[in-house]
Amino acid sequence: MLDHQASWDRLFHALSDPHRRAMVQRLTHGPASVSELAKPLPMSLAAVVQHLQVLQAAGLVRSEKVGRVRTCQLDPHGLRAAEDWLKDQRTTWERQLDRLGDLLAEEQ
């Protein structure tokens, strides 16, 4: 469980930053070079690379260098992990709310 916890912490930390979310959003349209990802962002290329390293460590993005160009793409497994965690949380809360509803109905 601790390993999963650390993995989820990295994942949600990576998604907590609006610039990293913008990069993920851009990559939903297909692979992009680092310079393409940097173009709309108000930061240096070095800062973009640091953000990409966070996304890679979280398992959200993969990159490959061909010649002088580093191309990034989404790693669907990382997004699936976030989706699975959110689904588990939703299921837990729905169950608890159903029980609360049953208890309140019994009292009436």
PDB file of N, CA and C in Angstrom:
ATOM      1  N   MET A   1       0.824  -1.203   0.000  1.00  0.00           N
ATOM      2  CA  MET A   1       0.000   0.000   0.000  1.00  0.00           C
ATOM      3  C   MET A   1       0.867   1.264   0.000  1.00  0.00           C
ATOM      4  N   LEU A   2       1.972   1.226   0.757  1.00  0.00           N
ATOM      5  CA  LEU A   2       2.839   2.386   0.829  1.00  0.00           C
ATOM      6  C   LEU A   2       3.398   2.734  -0.545  1.00  0.00           C
ATOM      7  N   ASP A   3       3.755   1.709  -1.335  1.00  0.00           N
ATOM      8  CA  ASP A   3       4.265   1.959  -2.678  1.00  0.00           C
ATOM      9  C   ASP A   3       3.205   2.651  -3.534  1.00  0.00           C
ATOM     10  N   HIS A   4       1.952   2.179  -3.422  1.00  0.00           N
ATOM     11  CA  HIS A   4       0.866   2.821  -4.167  1.00  0.00           C
ATOM     12  C   HIS A   4       0.657   4.250  -3.676  1.00  0.00           C
ATOM     13  N   GLN A   5       0.762   4.456  -2.367  1.00  0.00           N
ATOM     14  CA  GLN A   5       0.581   5.794  -1.806  1.00  0.00           C
ATOM     15  C   GLN A   5       1.619   6.753  -2.367  1.00  0.00           C
ATOM     16  N   ALA A   6       2.867   6.344  -2.402  1.00  0.00           N
ATOM     17  CA  ALA A   6       3.933   7.196  -2.941  1.00  0.00           C
ATOM     18  C   ALA A   6       3.691   7.478  -4.424  1.00  0.00           C
ATOM     19  N   SER A   7       3.220   6.478  -5.135  1.00  0.00           N
ATOM     20  CA  SER A   7       2.935   6.636  -6.557  1.00  0.00           C
ATOM     21  C   SER A   7       1.796   7.640  -6.764  1.00  0.00           C
ATOM     22  N   TRP A   8       0.740   7.526  -5.967  1.00  0.00           N
ATOM     23  CA  TRP A   8      -0.384   8.470  -6.083  1.00  0.00           C
ATOM     24  C   TRP A   8       0.048   9.872  -5.670  1.00  0.00           C
ATOM     25  N   ASP A   9       0.917   9.959  -4.656  1.00  0.00           N
ATOM     26  CA  ASP A   9       1.410  11.278  -4.242  1.00  0.00           C
ATOM     27  C   ASP A   9       2.151  11.944  -5.391  1.00  0.00           C
ATOM     28  N   ARG A  10       3.023  11.202  -6.079  1.00  0.00           N
ATOM     29  CA  ARG A  10       3.757  11.761  -7.226  1.00  0.00           C
ATOM     30  C   ARG A  10       2.785  12.162  -8.342  1.00  0.00           C
ATOM     31  N   LEU A  11       1.817  11.308  -8.587  1.00  0.00           N
ATOM     32  CA  LEU A  11       0.854  11.549  -9.657  1.00  0.00           C
ATOM     33  C   LEU A  11       0.055  12.824  -9.413  1.00  0.00           C
ATOM     34  N   PHE A  12      -0.530  12.943  -8.226  1.00  0.00           N
ATOM     35  CA  PHE A  12      -1.370  14.110  -7.963  1.00  0.00           C
ATOM     36  C   PHE A  12      -0.539  15.371  -7.734  1.00  0.00           C
ATOM     37  N   HIS A  13       0.685  15.217  -7.250  1.00  0.00           N
ATOM     38  CA  HIS A  13       1.584  16.375  -7.169  1.00  0.00           C
ATOM     39  C   HIS A  13       1.867  16.881  -8.588  1.00  0.00           C
ATOM     40  N   ALA A  14       2.135  15.975  -9.494  1.00  0.00           N
ATOM     41  CA  ALA A  14       2.425  16.366 -10.882  1.00  0.00           C
ATOM     42  C   ALA A  14       1.236  17.100 -11.496  1.00  0.00           C
ATOM     43  N   LEU A  15       0.039  16.641 -11.200  1.00  0.00           N
ATOM     44  CA  LEU A  15      -1.160  17.257 -11.778  1.00  0.00           C
ATOM     45  C   LEU A  15      -1.606  18.509 -11.031  1.00  0.00           C
ATOM     46  N   SER A  16      -0.978  18.810  -9.914  1.00  0.00           N
ATOM     47  CA  SER A  16      -1.402  19.968  -9.114  1.00  0.00           C
ATOM     48  C   SER A  16      -0.965  21.298  -9.721  1.00  0.00           C
ATOM     49  N   ASP A  17      -0.004  21.268 -10.622  1.00  0.00           N
ATOM     50  CA  ASP A  17       0.514  22.493 -11.203  1.00  0.00           C
ATOM     51  C   ASP A  17      -0.204  22.819 -12.516  1.00  0.00           C
ATOM     52  N   PRO A  18      -0.691  24.050 -12.674  1.00  0.00           N
ATOM     53  CA  PRO A  18      -1.431  24.385 -13.905  1.00  0.00           C
ATOM     54  C   PRO A  18      -0.593  24.299 -15.179  1.00  0.00           C
ATOM     55  N   HIS A  19       0.702  24.575 -15.090  1.00  0.00           N
ATOM     56  CA  HIS A  19       1.547  24.475 -16.285  1.00  0.00           C
ATOM     57  C   HIS A  19       1.715  23.016 -16.698  1.00  0.00           C
ATOM     58  N   ARG A  20       1.875  22.131 -15.721  1.00  0.00           N
ATOM     59  CA  ARG A  20       1.994  20.706 -16.054  1.00  0.00           C
ATOM     60  C   ARG A  20       0.669  20.175 -16.600  1.00  0.00           C
ATOM     61  N   ARG A  21      -0.445  20.641 -16.031  1.00  0.00           N
ATOM     62  CA  ARG A  21      -1.743  20.217 -16.579  1.00  0.00           C
ATOM     63  C   ARG A  21      -1.905  20.704 -18.014  1.00  0.00           C
ATOM     64  N   ALA A  22      -1.411  21.902 -18.307  1.00  0.00           N
ATOM     65  CA  ALA A  22      -1.480  22.424 -19.681  1.00  0.00           C
ATOM     66  C   ALA A  22      -0.650  21.547 -20.623  1.00  0.00           C
ATOM     67  N   MET A  23       0.501  21.093 -20.153  1.00  0.00           N
ATOM     68  CA  MET A  23       1.328  20.207 -20.985  1.00  0.00           C
ATOM     69  C   MET A  23       0.609  18.878 -21.226  1.00  0.00           C
ATOM     70  N   VAL A  24       0.012  18.323 -20.175  1.00  0.00           N
ATOM     71  CA  VAL A  24      -0.735  17.068 -20.325  1.00  0.00           C
ATOM     72  C   VAL A  24      -1.882  17.285 -21.304  1.00  0.00           C
ATOM     73  N   GLN A  25      -2.596  18.396 -21.146  1.00  0.00           N
ATOM     74  CA  GLN A  25      -3.718  18.693 -22.047  1.00  0.00           C
ATOM     75  C   GLN A  25      -3.236  18.779 -23.492  1.00  0.00           C
ATOM     76  N   ARG A  26      -2.118  19.449 -23.721  1.00  0.00           N
ATOM     77  CA  ARG A  26      -1.570  19.548 -25.086  1.00  0.00           C
ATOM     78  C   ARG A  26      -1.237  18.173 -25.630  1.00  0.00           C
ATOM     79  N   LEU A  27      -0.666  17.316 -24.788  1.00  0.00           N
ATOM     80  CA  LEU A  27      -0.249  15.987 -25.244  1.00  0.00           C
ATOM     81  C   LEU A  27      -1.429  15.056 -25.510  1.00  0.00           C
ATOM     82  N   THR A  28      -2.629  15.418 -25.076  1.00  0.00           N
ATOM     83  CA  THR A  28      -3.800  14.606 -25.430  1.00  0.00           C
ATOM     84  C   THR A  28      -4.077  14.676 -26.927  1.00  0.00           C
ATOM     85  N   HIS A  29      -3.525  15.692 -27.589  1.00  0.00           N
ATOM     86  CA  HIS A  29      -3.706  15.843 -29.044  1.00  0.00           C
ATOM     87  C   HIS A  29      -2.621  15.139 -29.837  1.00  0.00           C
ATOM     88  N   GLY A  30      -1.637  14.557 -29.147  1.00  0.00           N
ATOM     89  CA  GLY A  30      -0.573  13.835 -29.815  1.00  0.00           C
ATOM     90  C   GLY A  30       0.795  14.270 -29.312  1.00  0.00           C
ATOM     91  N   PRO A  31       1.831  13.556 -29.733  1.00  0.00           N
ATOM     92  CA  PRO A  31       3.195  13.871 -29.297  1.00  0.00           C
ATOM     93  C   PRO A  31       3.590  15.297 -29.671  1.00  0.00           C
ATOM     94  N   ALA A  32       4.520  15.836 -28.871  1.00  0.00           N
ATOM     95  CA  ALA A  32       5.021  17.188 -29.139  1.00  0.00           C
ATOM     96  C   ALA A  32       6.463  17.278 -28.661  1.00  0.00           C
ATOM     97  N   SER A  33       7.215  18.124 -29.334  1.00  0.00           N
ATOM     98  CA  SER A  33       8.590  18.360 -28.893  1.00  0.00           C
ATOM     99  C   SER A  33       8.565  19.247 -27.648  1.00  0.00           C
ATOM    100  N   VAL A  34       9.673  19.249 -26.938  1.00  0.00           N
ATOM    101  CA  VAL A  34       9.781  20.089 -25.737  1.00  0.00           C
ATOM    102  C   VAL A  34       9.580  21.548 -26.114  1.00  0.00           C
ATOM    103  N   SER A  35      10.154  21.978 -27.222  1.00  0.00           N
ATOM    104  CA  SER A  35      10.007  23.386 -27.623  1.00  0.00           C
ATOM    105  C   SER A  35       8.546  23.705 -27.983  1.00  0.00           C
ATOM    106  N   GLU A  36       7.816  22.753 -28.567  1.00  0.00           N
ATOM    107  CA  GLU A  36       6.389  22.978 -28.839  1.00  0.00           C
ATOM    108  C   GLU A  36       5.605  23.120 -27.547  1.00  0.00           C
ATOM    109  N   LEU A  37       5.940  22.294 -26.563  1.00  0.00           N
ATOM    110  CA  LEU A  37       5.255  22.382 -25.273  1.00  0.00           C
ATOM    111  C   LEU A  37       5.583  23.697 -24.569  1.00  0.00           C
ATOM    112  N   ALA A  38       6.807  24.190 -24.755  1.00  0.00           N
ATOM    113  CA  ALA A  38       7.249  25.406 -24.078  1.00  0.00           C
ATOM    114  C   ALA A  38       6.660  26.673 -24.695  1.00  0.00           C
ATOM    115  N   LYS A  39       6.362  26.630 -25.976  1.00  0.00           N
ATOM    116  CA  LYS A  39       5.963  27.834 -26.718  1.00  0.00           C
ATOM    117  C   LYS A  39       4.864  28.651 -26.022  1.00  0.00           C
ATOM    118  N   PRO A  40       3.738  28.061 -25.604  1.00  0.00           N
ATOM    119  CA  PRO A  40       2.679  28.893 -25.015  1.00  0.00           C
ATOM    120  C   PRO A  40       2.887  29.210 -23.524  1.00  0.00           C
ATOM    121  N   LEU A  41       3.921  28.658 -22.916  1.00  0.00           N
ATOM    122  CA  LEU A  41       4.095  28.812 -21.473  1.00  0.00           C
ATOM    123  C   LEU A  41       5.013  29.986 -21.131  1.00  0.00           C
ATOM    124  N   PRO A  42       4.694  30.712 -20.077  1.00  0.00           N
ATOM    125  CA  PRO A  42       5.489  31.892 -19.690  1.00  0.00           C
ATOM    126  C   PRO A  42       6.693  31.518 -18.819  1.00  0.00           C
ATOM    127  N   MET A  43       7.571  30.673 -19.373  1.00  0.00           N
ATOM    128  CA  MET A  43       8.738  30.237 -18.598  1.00  0.00           C
ATOM    129  C   MET A  43       9.852  29.827 -19.545  1.00  0.00           C
ATOM    130  N   SER A  44      11.015  29.643 -18.968  1.00  0.00           N
ATOM    131  CA  SER A  44      12.178  29.257 -19.772  1.00  0.00           C
ATOM    132  C   SER A  44      12.071  27.793 -20.202  1.00  0.00           C
ATOM    133  N   LEU A  45      12.844  27.456 -21.204  1.00  0.00           N
ATOM    134  CA  LEU A  45      12.906  26.074 -21.674  1.00  0.00           C
ATOM    135  C   LEU A  45      13.400  25.156 -20.555  1.00  0.00           C
ATOM    136  N   ALA A  46      14.351  25.642 -19.762  1.00  0.00           N
ATOM    137  CA  ALA A  46      14.869  24.844 -18.642  1.00  0.00           C
ATOM    138  C   ALA A  46      13.760  24.541 -17.622  1.00  0.00           C
ATOM    139  N   ALA A  47      12.893  25.505 -17.358  1.00  0.00           N
ATOM    140  CA  ALA A  47      11.781  25.289 -16.427  1.00  0.00           C
ATOM    141  C   ALA A  47      10.797  24.268 -16.992  1.00  0.00           C
ATOM    142  N   VAL A  48      10.546  24.328 -18.288  1.00  0.00           N
ATOM    143  CA  VAL A  48       9.661  23.357 -18.933  1.00  0.00           C
ATOM    144  C   VAL A  48      10.234  21.951 -18.788  1.00  0.00           C
ATOM    145  N   VAL A  49      11.531  21.817 -18.984  1.00  0.00           N
ATOM    146  CA  VAL A  49      12.191  20.515 -18.844  1.00  0.00           C
ATOM    147  C   VAL A  49      12.023  19.992 -17.420  1.00  0.00           C
ATOM    148  N   GLN A  50      12.147  20.867 -16.432  1.00  0.00           N
ATOM    149  CA  GLN A  50      11.955  20.437 -15.040  1.00  0.00           C
ATOM    150  C   GLN A  50      10.521  19.957 -14.811  1.00  0.00           C
ATOM    151  N   HIS A  51       9.558  20.671 -15.352  1.00  0.00           N
ATOM    152  CA  HIS A  51       8.159  20.246 -15.233  1.00  0.00           C
ATOM    153  C   HIS A  51       7.946  18.891 -15.913  1.00  0.00           C
ATOM    154  N   LEU A  52       8.561  18.714 -17.069  1.00  0.00           N
ATOM    155  CA  LEU A  52       8.437  17.437 -17.774  1.00  0.00           C
ATOM    156  C   LEU A  52       9.055  16.295 -16.967  1.00  0.00           C
ATOM    157  N   GLN A  53      10.132  16.568 -16.260  1.00  0.00           N
ATOM    158  CA  GLN A  53      10.741  15.540 -15.417  1.00  0.00           C
ATOM    159  C   GLN A  53       9.792  15.114 -14.303  1.00  0.00           C
ATOM    160  N   VAL A  54       9.047  16.054 -13.758  1.00  0.00           N
ATOM    161  CA  VAL A  54       8.050  15.733 -12.729  1.00  0.00           C
ATOM    162  C   VAL A  54       6.951  14.854 -13.342  1.00  0.00           C
ATOM    163  N   LEU A  55       6.495  15.216 -14.525  1.00  0.00           N
ATOM    164  CA  LEU A  55       5.455  14.427 -15.206  1.00  0.00           C
ATOM    165  C   LEU A  55       5.961  13.026 -15.538  1.00  0.00           C
ATOM    166  N   GLN A  56       7.222  12.921 -15.930  1.00  0.00           N
ATOM    167  CA  GLN A  56       7.792  11.608 -16.234  1.00  0.00           C
ATOM    168  C   GLN A  56       7.937  10.768 -14.973  1.00  0.00           C
ATOM    169  N   ALA A  57       8.398  11.366 -13.885  1.00  0.00           N
ATOM    170  CA  ALA A  57       8.552  10.635 -12.625  1.00  0.00           C
ATOM    171  C   ALA A  57       7.211  10.126 -12.113  1.00  0.00           C
ATOM    172  N   ALA A  58       6.145  10.837 -12.448  1.00  0.00           N
ATOM    173  CA  ALA A  58       4.800  10.434 -12.037  1.00  0.00           C
ATOM    174  C   ALA A  58       4.204   9.384 -12.975  1.00  0.00           C
ATOM    175  N   GLY A  59       4.883   9.109 -14.078  1.00  0.00           N
ATOM    176  CA  GLY A  59       4.392   8.117 -15.024  1.00  0.00           C
ATOM    177  C   GLY A  59       3.344   8.640 -15.983  1.00  0.00           C
ATOM    178  N   LEU A  60       3.242   9.953 -16.106  1.00  0.00           N
ATOM    179  CA  LEU A  60       2.231  10.550 -16.987  1.00  0.00           C
ATOM    180  C   LEU A  60       2.740  10.796 -18.399  1.00  0.00           C
ATOM    181  N   VAL A  61       4.041  10.987 -18.536  1.00  0.00           N
ATOM    182  CA  VAL A  61       4.630  11.360 -19.826  1.00  0.00           C
ATOM    183  C   VAL A  61       5.869  10.505 -20.085  1.00  0.00           C
ATOM    184  N   ARG A  62       6.047  10.152 -21.340  1.00  0.00           N
ATOM    185  CA  ARG A  62       7.276   9.484 -21.803  1.00  0.00           C
ATOM    186  C   ARG A  62       7.938  10.413 -22.806  1.00  0.00           C
ATOM    187  N   SER A  63       9.256  10.315 -22.908  1.00  0.00           N
ATOM    188  CA  SER A  63       9.927  11.124 -23.919  1.00  0.00           C
ATOM    189  C   SER A  63      10.996  10.291 -24.607  1.00  0.00           C
ATOM    190  N   GLU A  64      11.324  10.745 -25.803  1.00  0.00           N
ATOM    191  CA  GLU A  64      12.329  10.060 -26.613  1.00  0.00           C
ATOM    192  C   GLU A  64      13.119  11.131 -27.354  1.00  0.00           C
ATOM    193  N   LYS A  65      14.430  10.943 -27.373  1.00  0.00           N
ATOM    194  CA  LYS A  65      15.278  11.898 -28.077  1.00  0.00           C
ATOM    195  C   LYS A  65      15.755  11.283 -29.377  1.00  0.00           C
ATOM    196  N   VAL A  66      15.471  11.982 -30.463  1.00  0.00           N
ATOM    197  CA  VAL A  66      15.933  11.569 -31.785  1.00  0.00           C
ATOM    198  C   VAL A  66      16.727  12.736 -32.342  1.00  0.00           C
ATOM    199  N   GLY A  67      18.027  12.530 -32.491  1.00  0.00           N
ATOM    200  CA  GLY A  67      18.889  13.621 -32.919  1.00  0.00           C
ATOM    201  C   GLY A  67      18.933  14.685 -31.832  1.00  0.00           C
ATOM    202  N   ARG A  68      18.537  15.902 -32.196  1.00  0.00           N
ATOM    203  CA  ARG A  68      18.543  17.008 -31.233  1.00  0.00           C
ATOM    204  C   ARG A  68      17.165  17.308 -30.681  1.00  0.00           C
ATOM    205  N   VAL A  69      16.171  16.539 -31.093  1.00  0.00           N
ATOM    206  CA  VAL A  69      14.791  16.834 -30.703  1.00  0.00           C
ATOM    207  C   VAL A  69      14.281  15.790 -29.710  1.00  0.00           C
ATOM    208  N   ARG A  70      13.800  16.272 -28.561  1.00  0.00           N
ATOM    209  CA  ARG A  70      13.160  15.401 -27.571  1.00  0.00           C
ATOM    210  C   ARG A  70      11.651  15.533 -27.755  1.00  0.00           C
ATOM    211  N   THR A  71      11.009  14.397 -28.025  1.00  0.00           N
ATOM    212  CA  THR A  71       9.567  14.365 -28.236  1.00  0.00           C
ATOM    213  C   THR A  71       8.899  13.690 -27.043  1.00  0.00           C
ATOM    214  N   CYS A  72       7.810  14.281 -26.598  1.00  0.00           N
ATOM    215  CA  CYS A  72       7.074  13.775 -25.442  1.00  0.00           C
ATOM    216  C   CYS A  72       5.709  13.280 -25.886  1.00  0.00           C
ATOM    217  N   GLN A  73       5.222  12.291 -25.163  1.00  0.00           N
ATOM    218  CA  GLN A  73       3.859  11.805 -25.388  1.00  0.00           C
ATOM    219  C   GLN A  73       3.277  11.327 -24.069  1.00  0.00           C
ATOM    220  N   LEU A  74       1.963  11.292 -23.997  1.00  0.00           N
ATOM    221  CA  LEU A  74       1.295  10.816 -22.786  1.00  0.00           C
ATOM    222  C   LEU A  74       1.538   9.331 -22.594  1.00  0.00           C
ATOM    223  N   ASP A  75       1.616   8.922 -21.352  1.00  0.00           N
ATOM    224  CA  ASP A  75       1.648   7.505 -21.005  1.00  0.00           C
ATOM    225  C   ASP A  75       0.282   7.190 -20.414  1.00  0.00           C
ATOM    226  N   PRO A  76      -0.576   6.483 -21.149  1.00  0.00           N
ATOM    227  CA  PRO A  76      -1.948   6.257 -20.689  1.00  0.00           C
ATOM    228  C   PRO A  76      -2.029   5.496 -19.368  1.00  0.00           C
ATOM    229  N   HIS A  77      -1.001   4.734 -19.016  1.00  0.00           N
ATOM    230  CA  HIS A  77      -1.034   3.996 -17.755  1.00  0.00           C
ATOM    231  C   HIS A  77      -1.079   4.953 -16.566  1.00  0.00           C
ATOM    232  N   GLY A  78      -0.357   6.061 -16.660  1.00  0.00           N
ATOM    233  CA  GLY A  78      -0.343   7.042 -15.580  1.00  0.00           C
ATOM    234  C   GLY A  78      -1.695   7.674 -15.372  1.00  0.00           C
ATOM    235  N   LEU A  79      -2.347   8.052 -16.465  1.00  0.00           N
ATOM    236  CA  LEU A  79      -3.680   8.634 -16.356  1.00  0.00           C
ATOM    237  C   LEU A  79      -4.685   7.609 -15.850  1.00  0.00           C
ATOM    238  N   ARG A  80      -4.510   6.371 -16.248  1.00  0.00           N
ATOM    239  CA  ARG A  80      -5.401   5.311 -15.783  1.00  0.00           C
ATOM    240  C   ARG A  80      -5.287   5.121 -14.277  1.00  0.00           C
ATOM    241  N   ALA A  81      -4.086   5.253 -13.737  1.00  0.00           N
ATOM    242  CA  ALA A  81      -3.891   5.130 -12.291  1.00  0.00           C
ATOM    243  C   ALA A  81      -4.667   6.218 -11.549  1.00  0.00           C
ATOM    244  N   ALA A  82      -4.637   7.440 -12.073  1.00  0.00           N
ATOM    245  CA  ALA A  82      -5.400   8.530 -11.453  1.00  0.00           C
ATOM    246  C   ALA A  82      -6.891   8.245 -11.534  1.00  0.00           C
ATOM    247  N   GLU A  83      -7.330   7.791 -12.683  1.00  0.00           N
ATOM    248  CA  GLU A  83      -8.741   7.464 -12.870  1.00  0.00           C
ATOM    249  C   GLU A  83      -9.177   6.356 -11.908  1.00  0.00           C
ATOM    250  N   ASP A  84      -8.352   5.331 -11.750  1.00  0.00           N
ATOM    251  CA  ASP A  84      -8.679   4.226 -10.843  1.00  0.00           C
ATOM    252  C   ASP A  84      -8.779   4.706  -9.399  1.00  0.00           C
ATOM    253  N   TRP A  85      -7.854   5.566  -8.976  1.00  0.00           N
ATOM    254  CA  TRP A  85      -7.888   6.072  -7.607  1.00  0.00           C
ATOM    255  C   TRP A  85      -9.165   6.877  -7.373  1.00  0.00           C
ATOM    256  N   LEU A  86      -9.495   7.764  -8.316  1.00  0.00           N
ATOM    257  CA  LEU A  86     -10.707   8.573  -8.184  1.00  0.00           C
ATOM    258  C   LEU A  86     -11.957   7.697  -8.173  1.00  0.00           C
ATOM    259  N   LYS A  87     -11.973   6.663  -8.996  1.00  0.00           N
ATOM    260  CA  LYS A  87     -13.114   5.747  -9.035  1.00  0.00           C
ATOM    261  C   LYS A  87     -13.283   5.030  -7.692  1.00  0.00           C
ATOM    262  N   ASP A  88     -12.168   4.585  -7.108  1.00  0.00           N
ATOM    263  CA  ASP A  88     -12.229   3.930  -5.796  1.00  0.00           C
ATOM    264  C   ASP A  88     -12.760   4.886  -4.734  1.00  0.00           C
ATOM    265  N   GLN A  89     -12.324   6.131  -4.778  1.00  0.00           N
ATOM    266  CA  GLN A  89     -12.798   7.119  -3.806  1.00  0.00           C
ATOM    267  C   GLN A  89     -14.291   7.372  -3.988  1.00  0.00           C
ATOM    268  N   ARG A  90     -14.729   7.495  -5.217  1.00  0.00           N
ATOM    269  CA  ARG A  90     -16.142   7.734  -5.489  1.00  0.00           C
ATOM    270  C   ARG A  90     -16.984   6.573  -4.987  1.00  0.00           C
ATOM    271  N   THR A  91     -16.538   5.346  -5.242  1.00  0.00           N
ATOM    272  CA  THR A  91     -17.276   4.154  -4.809  1.00  0.00           C
ATOM    273  C   THR A  91     -17.384   4.117  -3.288  1.00  0.00           C
ATOM    274  N   THR A  92     -16.291   4.408  -2.600  1.00  0.00           N
ATOM    275  CA  THR A  92     -16.298   4.415  -1.133  1.00  0.00           C
ATOM    276  C   THR A  92     -17.295   5.436  -0.601  1.00  0.00           C
ATOM    277  N   TRP A  93     -17.257   6.634  -1.128  1.00  0.00           N
ATOM    278  CA  TRP A  93     -18.161   7.679  -0.651  1.00  0.00           C
ATOM    279  C   TRP A  93     -19.617   7.384  -1.009  1.00  0.00           C
ATOM    280  N   GLU A  94     -19.856   6.827  -2.172  1.00  0.00           N
ATOM    281  CA  GLU A  94     -21.229   6.473  -2.536  1.00  0.00           C
ATOM    282  C   GLU A  94     -21.777   5.430  -1.584  1.00  0.00           C
ATOM    283  N   ARG A  95     -20.954   4.432  -1.222  1.00  0.00           N
ATOM    284  CA  ARG A  95     -21.372   3.410  -0.269  1.00  0.00           C
ATOM    285  C   ARG A  95     -21.710   4.025   1.084  1.00  0.00           C
ATOM    286  N   GLN A  96     -20.855   4.919   1.536  1.00  0.00           N
ATOM    287  CA  GLN A  96     -21.089   5.559   2.829  1.00  0.00           C
ATOM    288  C   GLN A  96     -22.347   6.417   2.810  1.00  0.00           C
ATOM    289  N   LEU A  97     -22.565   7.139   1.723  1.00  0.00           N
ATOM    290  CA  LEU A  97     -23.769   7.954   1.624  1.00  0.00           C
ATOM    291  C   LEU A  97     -25.028   7.088   1.530  1.00  0.00           C
ATOM    292  N   ASP A  98     -24.926   5.935   0.848  1.00  0.00           N
ATOM    293  CA  ASP A  98     -26.057   5.010   0.797  1.00  0.00           C
ATOM    294  C   ASP A  98     -26.400   4.501   2.188  1.00  0.00           C
ATOM    295  N   ARG A  99     -25.378   4.151   2.974  1.00  0.00           N
ATOM    296  CA  ARG A  99     -25.613   3.692   4.355  1.00  0.00           C
ATOM    297  C   ARG A  99     -26.246   4.791   5.192  1.00  0.00           C
ATOM    298  N   LEU A 100     -25.750   6.011   5.043  1.00  0.00           N
ATOM    299  CA  LEU A 100     -26.327   7.136   5.773  1.00  0.00           C
ATOM    300  C   LEU A 100     -27.784   7.326   5.378  1.00  0.00           C
ATOM    301  N   GLY A 101     -28.078   7.244   4.093  1.00  0.00           N
ATOM    302  CA  GLY A 101     -29.458   7.354   3.619  1.00  0.00           C
ATOM    303  C   GLY A 101     -30.339   6.266   4.207  1.00  0.00           C
ATOM    304  N   ASP A 102     -29.826   5.044   4.287  1.00  0.00           N
ATOM    305  CA  ASP A 102     -30.584   3.936   4.878  1.00  0.00           C
ATOM    306  C   ASP A 102     -30.853   4.204   6.348  1.00  0.00           C
ATOM    307  N   LEU A 103     -29.851   4.678   7.079  1.00  0.00           N
ATOM    308  CA  LEU A 103     -30.021   4.978   8.516  1.00  0.00           C
ATOM    309  C   LEU A 103     -31.051   6.078   8.717  1.00  0.00           C
ATOM    310  N   LEU A 104     -30.989   7.110   7.916  1.00  0.00           N
ATOM    311  CA  LEU A 104     -31.949   8.214   8.046  1.00  0.00           C
ATOM    312  C   LEU A 104     -33.363   7.747   7.689  1.00  0.00           C
ATOM    313  N   ALA A 105     -33.492   6.888   6.715  1.00  0.00           N
ATOM    314  CA  ALA A 105     -34.800   6.354   6.328  1.00  0.00           C
ATOM    315  C   ALA A 105     -35.372   5.485   7.450  1.00  0.00           C
ATOM    316  N   GLU A 106     -34.540   4.709   8.141  1.00  0.00           N
ATOM    317  CA  GLU A 106     -34.991   3.868   9.250  1.00  0.00           C
ATOM    318  C   GLU A 106     -35.497   4.708  10.409  1.00  0.00           C
ATOM    319  N   GLU A 107     -34.848   5.843  10.671  1.00  0.00           N
ATOM    320  CA  GLU A 107     -35.249   6.713  11.776  1.00  0.00           C
ATOM    321  C   GLU A 107     -36.591   7.353  11.527  1.00  0.00           C
ATOM    322  N   GLN A 108     -36.942   7.552  10.289  1.00  0.00           N
ATOM    323  CA  GLN A 108     -38.228   8.198   9.976  1.00  0.00           C
ATOM    324  C   GLN A 108     -39.277   7.146   9.989  1.00  0.00           C
TER     325      GLN A 108
END
